[in-house]
Amino acid sequence: MIAYFKTKSGINIAYNKVSCLEKRPGIVFLGGFRSDMEGTKALCLEEFSKVNNYSFIRFDYSGHGQSSGQFSEGTIGQWFQQSIDVIANLTKGPQILVGSSMGGWISLLIAKRFPELVKGLITIAAAPDFTNNNLLANFSVTQLNELEAGETHLPSEYGDPYIISKSLIYEARDHLILNEPLSISAPVRFLHGTSDKSVCVSVAQQLFEHVKGKNIELILLKDEDHRLSSDLALARIKSELKSLLESNKPN
């Protein structure tokens, strides 16, 4: 059942929560850019949590899905803060974060700035710094001029064109991951498809080399695309999540 959490900035964040106080940690799913909490991976992991009796929460950033706000007014910093608000107010104790695409970037920001909230981390086709490295770096002169005027539009294979605002691009520079050292003490699993056309597999390899820690793995799924929503990919995601959850059981 969909519920709403109101942030201090007045945004109503739509979320769905599965509660289980007997087992810790819980699981938080962070979705991608212009996706919502009704996607295949979010629902699959919710069912996994119910079957295995773990707390789980999925939610929509502002301007996404059923949350309030305009997508074109959103920024990485705002969506990051909303994620922190959800974790701080709707969960108990450190969580295992599962971040898909942009959600992978946001989950890495959480692990960097609030490590006490993170017990483990799984990224699915993570897209760190995509505003700078994937978008801005590939804009045409026309698109750059449109951006300076306020916004430009990009075609999307997933539906309507993306609205890319000037504030999204420039505000994101305060939240880049790959331009300074990042150490994560919690276990990390980077999952990426070798046929991902949205975020090249080389980004996953760069991320793996960049993040320092004692329990970090890069898992490449051959011929899988950016969605990582095939039966095989979903099974692997659940397998890695189960492994992290079991490693956190009390002795």
Protein backbone atom coordinates (compact mmCIF):
# COMPACT_ATOMS: atom_id res chain seq x y z
CA MET A 1 0.00 0.00 0.00
CA ILE A 2 1.37 3.40 -1.00
CA ALA A 3 2.04 5.84 1.84
CA TYR A 4 3.51 9.36 1.86
CA PHE A 5 6.28 10.99 3.84
CA LYS A 6 6.56 14.79 3.85
CA THR A 7 10.08 16.18 3.81
CA LYS A 8 11.11 19.42 5.50
CA SER A 9 11.13 21.06 2.07
CA GLY A 10 7.44 20.18 1.64
CA ILE A 11 7.81 17.34 -0.88
CA ASN A 12 5.46 14.39 -0.46
CA ILE A 13 7.55 11.27 -1.05
CA ALA A 14 5.54 8.21 -2.07
CA TYR A 15 6.81 4.95 -0.64
CA ASN A 16 5.89 1.35 0.00
CA LYS A 17 7.26 -0.43 3.06
CA VAL A 18 7.51 -4.00 4.25
CA SER A 19 8.19 -4.16 7.98
CA CYS A 20 10.01 -6.87 9.90
CA LEU A 21 11.61 -5.95 13.21
CA GLU A 22 12.99 -9.42 13.93
CA LYS A 23 15.72 -9.30 11.30
CA ARG A 24 18.36 -6.66 10.69
CA PRO A 25 19.49 -5.01 8.50
CA GLY A 26 16.64 -3.95 6.24
CA ILE A 27 16.80 -3.24 2.53
CA VAL A 28 16.32 0.08 0.72
CA PHE A 29 15.85 0.22 -3.06
CA LEU A 30 16.94 3.42 -4.82
CA GLY A 31 15.62 3.77 -8.36
CA GLY A 32 17.06 5.31 -11.47
CA PHE A 33 16.73 8.56 -13.38
CA ARG A 34 13.07 9.10 -14.29
CA SER A 35 12.12 5.59 -13.19
CA ASP A 36 9.73 4.80 -10.34
CA MET A 37 9.18 2.32 -7.55
CA GLU A 38 6.84 0.17 -9.66
CA GLY A 39 9.67 -1.18 -11.80
CA THR A 40 10.54 -4.86 -12.21
CA LYS A 41 13.59 -4.82 -9.94
CA ALA A 42 11.87 -2.92 -7.12
CA LEU A 43 8.88 -5.26 -7.10
CA CYS A 44 11.08 -8.34 -7.38
CA LEU A 45 13.13 -7.31 -4.35
CA GLU A 46 10.01 -6.45 -2.41
CA GLU A 47 8.71 -9.98 -3.00
CA PHE A 48 12.11 -11.36 -2.00
CA SER A 49 11.90 -9.40 1.25
CA LYS A 50 8.42 -10.68 2.04
CA VAL A 51 9.37 -14.29 1.38
CA ASN A 52 12.54 -14.04 3.46
CA ASN A 53 11.03 -11.84 6.18
CA TYR A 54 13.20 -8.74 5.82
CA SER A 55 12.19 -5.09 6.08
CA PHE A 56 12.17 -3.36 2.72
CA ILE A 57 11.34 0.07 1.37
CA ARG A 58 11.00 1.45 -2.15
CA PHE A 59 10.13 5.06 -2.93
CA ASP A 60 9.86 7.72 -5.61
CA TYR A 61 12.11 10.77 -5.72
CA SER A 62 10.41 14.14 -6.23
CA GLY A 63 9.13 14.49 -9.78
CA HIS A 64 9.14 10.71 -10.18
CA GLY A 65 6.23 8.29 -9.99
CA GLN A 66 3.68 9.24 -7.36
CA SER A 67 5.76 11.75 -5.41
CA SER A 68 5.07 15.46 -5.65
CA GLY A 69 7.26 17.99 -7.44
CA GLN A 70 8.32 18.58 -11.03
CA PHE A 71 10.92 16.30 -12.60
CA SER A 72 12.51 19.23 -14.46
CA GLU A 73 13.15 21.00 -11.15
CA GLY A 74 14.93 18.05 -9.52
CA THR A 75 18.66 17.78 -8.86
CA ILE A 76 21.04 15.07 -7.67
CA GLY A 77 21.43 16.89 -4.36
CA GLN A 78 17.68 17.02 -3.79
CA TRP A 79 17.18 13.33 -4.61
CA PHE A 80 20.15 12.43 -2.42
CA GLN A 81 18.69 14.39 0.51
CA GLN A 82 15.28 12.78 0.00
CA SER A 83 16.95 9.36 0.12
CA ILE A 84 18.62 10.29 3.40
CA ASP A 85 15.28 11.53 4.75
CA VAL A 86 13.60 8.24 3.87
CA ILE A 87 16.32 6.14 5.50
CA ALA A 88 16.53 8.33 8.61
CA ASN A 89 12.78 8.52 9.19
CA LEU A 90 11.37 5.27 7.83
CA THR A 91 14.00 2.65 8.72
CA LYS A 92 15.83 1.53 11.85
CA GLY A 93 19.56 0.98 11.96
CA PRO A 94 22.00 0.63 9.07
CA GLN A 95 20.52 -0.73 5.84
CA ILE A 96 21.60 -2.65 2.78
CA LEU A 97 21.20 -0.26 -0.14
CA VAL A 98 20.35 -1.51 -3.61
CA GLY A 99 20.84 1.31 -6.11
CA SER A 100 19.85 1.06 -9.76
CA SER A 101 21.53 3.34 -12.35
CA MET A 102 21.27 6.86 -10.86
CA GLY A 103 20.26 5.14 -7.62
CA GLY A 104 23.70 3.55 -7.67
CA TRP A 105 25.27 7.00 -7.70
CA ILE A 106 23.04 8.15 -4.85
CA SER A 107 23.76 5.02 -2.81
CA LEU A 108 27.49 5.67 -3.20
CA LEU A 109 26.98 9.23 -1.97
CA ILE A 110 25.16 7.88 1.07
CA ALA A 111 27.98 5.42 1.78
CA LYS A 112 30.49 8.25 1.44
CA ARG A 113 28.78 10.88 3.56
CA PHE A 114 26.74 8.77 5.99
CA PRO A 115 28.60 5.45 6.31
CA GLU A 116 26.81 4.71 9.58
CA LEU A 117 23.60 4.21 7.60
CA VAL A 118 25.05 1.53 5.32
CA LYS A 119 25.53 -2.13 6.21
CA GLY A 120 26.05 -3.25 2.62
CA LEU A 121 25.74 -1.91 -0.91
CA ILE A 122 24.64 -3.40 -4.23
CA THR A 123 24.65 -1.28 -7.36
CA ILE A 124 22.82 -2.33 -10.51
CA ALA A 125 24.23 -0.73 -13.66
CA ALA A 126 25.47 2.18 -11.56
CA ALA A 127 25.67 5.54 -13.32
CA PRO A 128 27.98 7.69 -11.18
CA ASP A 129 28.58 11.24 -12.43
CA PHE A 130 26.42 10.62 -15.52
CA THR A 131 25.37 14.26 -15.69
CA ASN A 132 28.95 15.27 -16.35
CA ASN A 133 30.46 12.24 -18.12
CA ASN A 134 27.50 10.86 -20.07
CA LEU A 135 25.38 13.94 -20.75
CA LEU A 136 27.38 17.16 -20.74
CA ALA A 137 30.42 15.57 -22.40
CA ASN A 138 28.28 14.46 -25.35
CA PHE A 139 26.03 17.48 -25.86
CA SER A 140 26.07 19.14 -29.26
CA VAL A 141 26.66 22.89 -29.60
CA THR A 142 22.90 23.33 -30.04
CA GLN A 143 22.18 21.38 -26.88
CA LEU A 144 24.77 23.33 -24.92
CA ASN A 145 23.16 26.58 -26.04
CA GLU A 146 19.73 25.28 -25.08
CA LEU A 147 21.08 24.20 -21.71
CA GLU A 148 22.51 27.65 -21.01
CA ALA A 149 19.06 29.06 -21.78
CA GLY A 150 17.48 26.74 -19.20
CA GLU A 151 17.02 23.19 -20.49
CA THR A 152 17.50 20.79 -23.37
CA HIS A 153 15.74 17.58 -24.34
CA LEU A 154 17.25 14.16 -24.99
CA PRO A 155 15.57 11.22 -26.72
CA SER A 156 14.98 8.15 -24.56
CA GLU A 157 14.47 4.54 -25.55
CA TYR A 158 12.28 4.19 -22.46
CA GLY A 159 9.57 6.71 -23.40
CA ASP A 160 9.21 10.50 -23.63
CA PRO A 161 12.36 12.61 -24.09
CA TYR A 162 14.38 13.46 -20.99
CA ILE A 163 14.22 17.08 -19.85
CA ILE A 164 17.74 18.03 -18.83
CA SER A 165 17.86 21.28 -16.88
CA LYS A 166 20.79 23.60 -16.34
CA SER A 167 20.36 23.25 -12.59
CA LEU A 168 20.54 19.44 -12.81
CA ILE A 169 23.87 19.55 -14.66
CA TYR A 170 25.59 22.25 -12.63
CA GLU A 171 24.29 21.30 -9.18
CA ALA A 172 25.49 17.72 -9.74
CA ARG A 173 29.10 18.94 -9.77
CA ASP A 174 28.88 19.17 -5.98
CA HIS A 175 28.15 15.44 -5.80
CA LEU A 176 30.57 13.77 -8.21
CA ILE A 177 31.97 10.44 -7.06
CA LEU A 178 34.85 9.67 -9.41
CA ASN A 179 36.86 12.86 -8.95
CA GLU A 180 38.05 12.28 -5.37
CA PRO A 181 38.95 9.28 -3.18
CA LEU A 182 36.17 7.05 -1.89
CA SER A 183 36.56 4.31 0.72
CA ILE A 184 33.68 2.08 1.81
CA SER A 185 34.10 -0.28 4.75
CA ALA A 186 30.79 -2.10 4.14
CA PRO A 187 30.68 -4.93 1.58
CA VAL A 188 29.98 -3.69 -1.95
CA ARG A 189 28.80 -5.55 -5.06
CA PHE A 190 28.85 -3.77 -8.42
CA LEU A 191 26.62 -5.56 -10.98
CA HIS A 192 26.78 -4.51 -14.62
CA GLY A 193 25.74 -5.92 -17.99
CA THR A 194 28.35 -6.22 -20.73
CA SER A 195 25.79 -5.07 -23.33
CA ASP A 196 24.75 -1.94 -21.44
CA LYS A 197 24.39 0.84 -24.02
CA SER A 198 23.37 3.52 -21.53
CA VAL A 199 26.32 3.19 -19.15
CA CYS A 200 29.37 1.55 -20.68
CA VAL A 201 30.85 -1.40 -18.84
CA SER A 202 34.09 0.59 -18.62
CA VAL A 203 32.31 2.85 -16.08
CA ALA A 204 31.74 -0.15 -13.83
CA GLN A 205 35.38 -1.14 -14.19
CA GLN A 206 36.50 2.40 -13.39
CA LEU A 207 34.21 2.47 -10.35
CA PHE A 208 35.57 -0.86 -9.14
CA GLU A 209 39.14 0.44 -9.35
CA HIS A 210 38.20 3.77 -7.78
CA VAL A 211 36.40 2.62 -4.63
CA LYS A 212 38.66 1.34 -1.88
CA GLY A 213 37.59 -1.32 0.59
CA LYS A 214 38.25 -4.86 1.82
CA ASN A 215 35.09 -6.50 0.48
CA ILE A 216 34.32 -5.14 -2.97
CA GLU A 217 33.40 -7.19 -6.03
CA LEU A 218 32.63 -6.35 -9.65
CA ILE A 219 30.17 -8.79 -11.23
CA LEU A 220 29.75 -8.61 -15.01
CA LEU A 221 26.71 -10.30 -16.53
CA LYS A 222 27.41 -11.25 -20.12
CA ASP A 223 25.02 -9.88 -22.79
CA GLU A 224 22.79 -8.15 -20.21
CA ASP A 225 21.64 -4.59 -20.95
CA HIS A 226 21.13 -1.54 -18.72
CA ARG A 227 17.86 -2.77 -17.28
CA LEU A 228 19.31 -5.94 -15.74
CA SER A 229 15.72 -7.17 -15.45
CA SER A 230 15.97 -10.57 -17.13
CA ASP A 231 15.22 -13.65 -15.06
CA LEU A 232 18.93 -14.44 -14.95
CA ALA A 233 19.89 -10.92 -13.84
CA LEU A 234 17.17 -10.78 -11.19
CA ALA A 235 18.25 -14.15 -9.84
CA ARG A 236 21.84 -12.91 -9.55
CA ILE A 237 20.76 -9.70 -7.80
CA LYS A 238 18.73 -11.70 -5.28
CA SER A 239 21.61 -14.11 -4.78
CA GLU A 240 24.04 -11.30 -3.98
CA LEU A 241 21.51 -9.64 -1.69
CA LYS A 242 20.88 -12.89 0.17
CA SER A 243 24.62 -13.35 0.63
CA LEU A 244 25.03 -9.87 2.14
CA LEU A 245 22.03 -10.34 4.40
CA GLU A 246 23.26 -13.68 5.68
CA SER A 247 26.74 -12.31 6.30
CA ASN A 248 25.14 -9.79 8.64
CA LYS A 249 23.35 -12.35 10.79
CA PRO A 250 24.37 -12.17 14.45
CA ASN A 251 26.83 -14.89 15.55
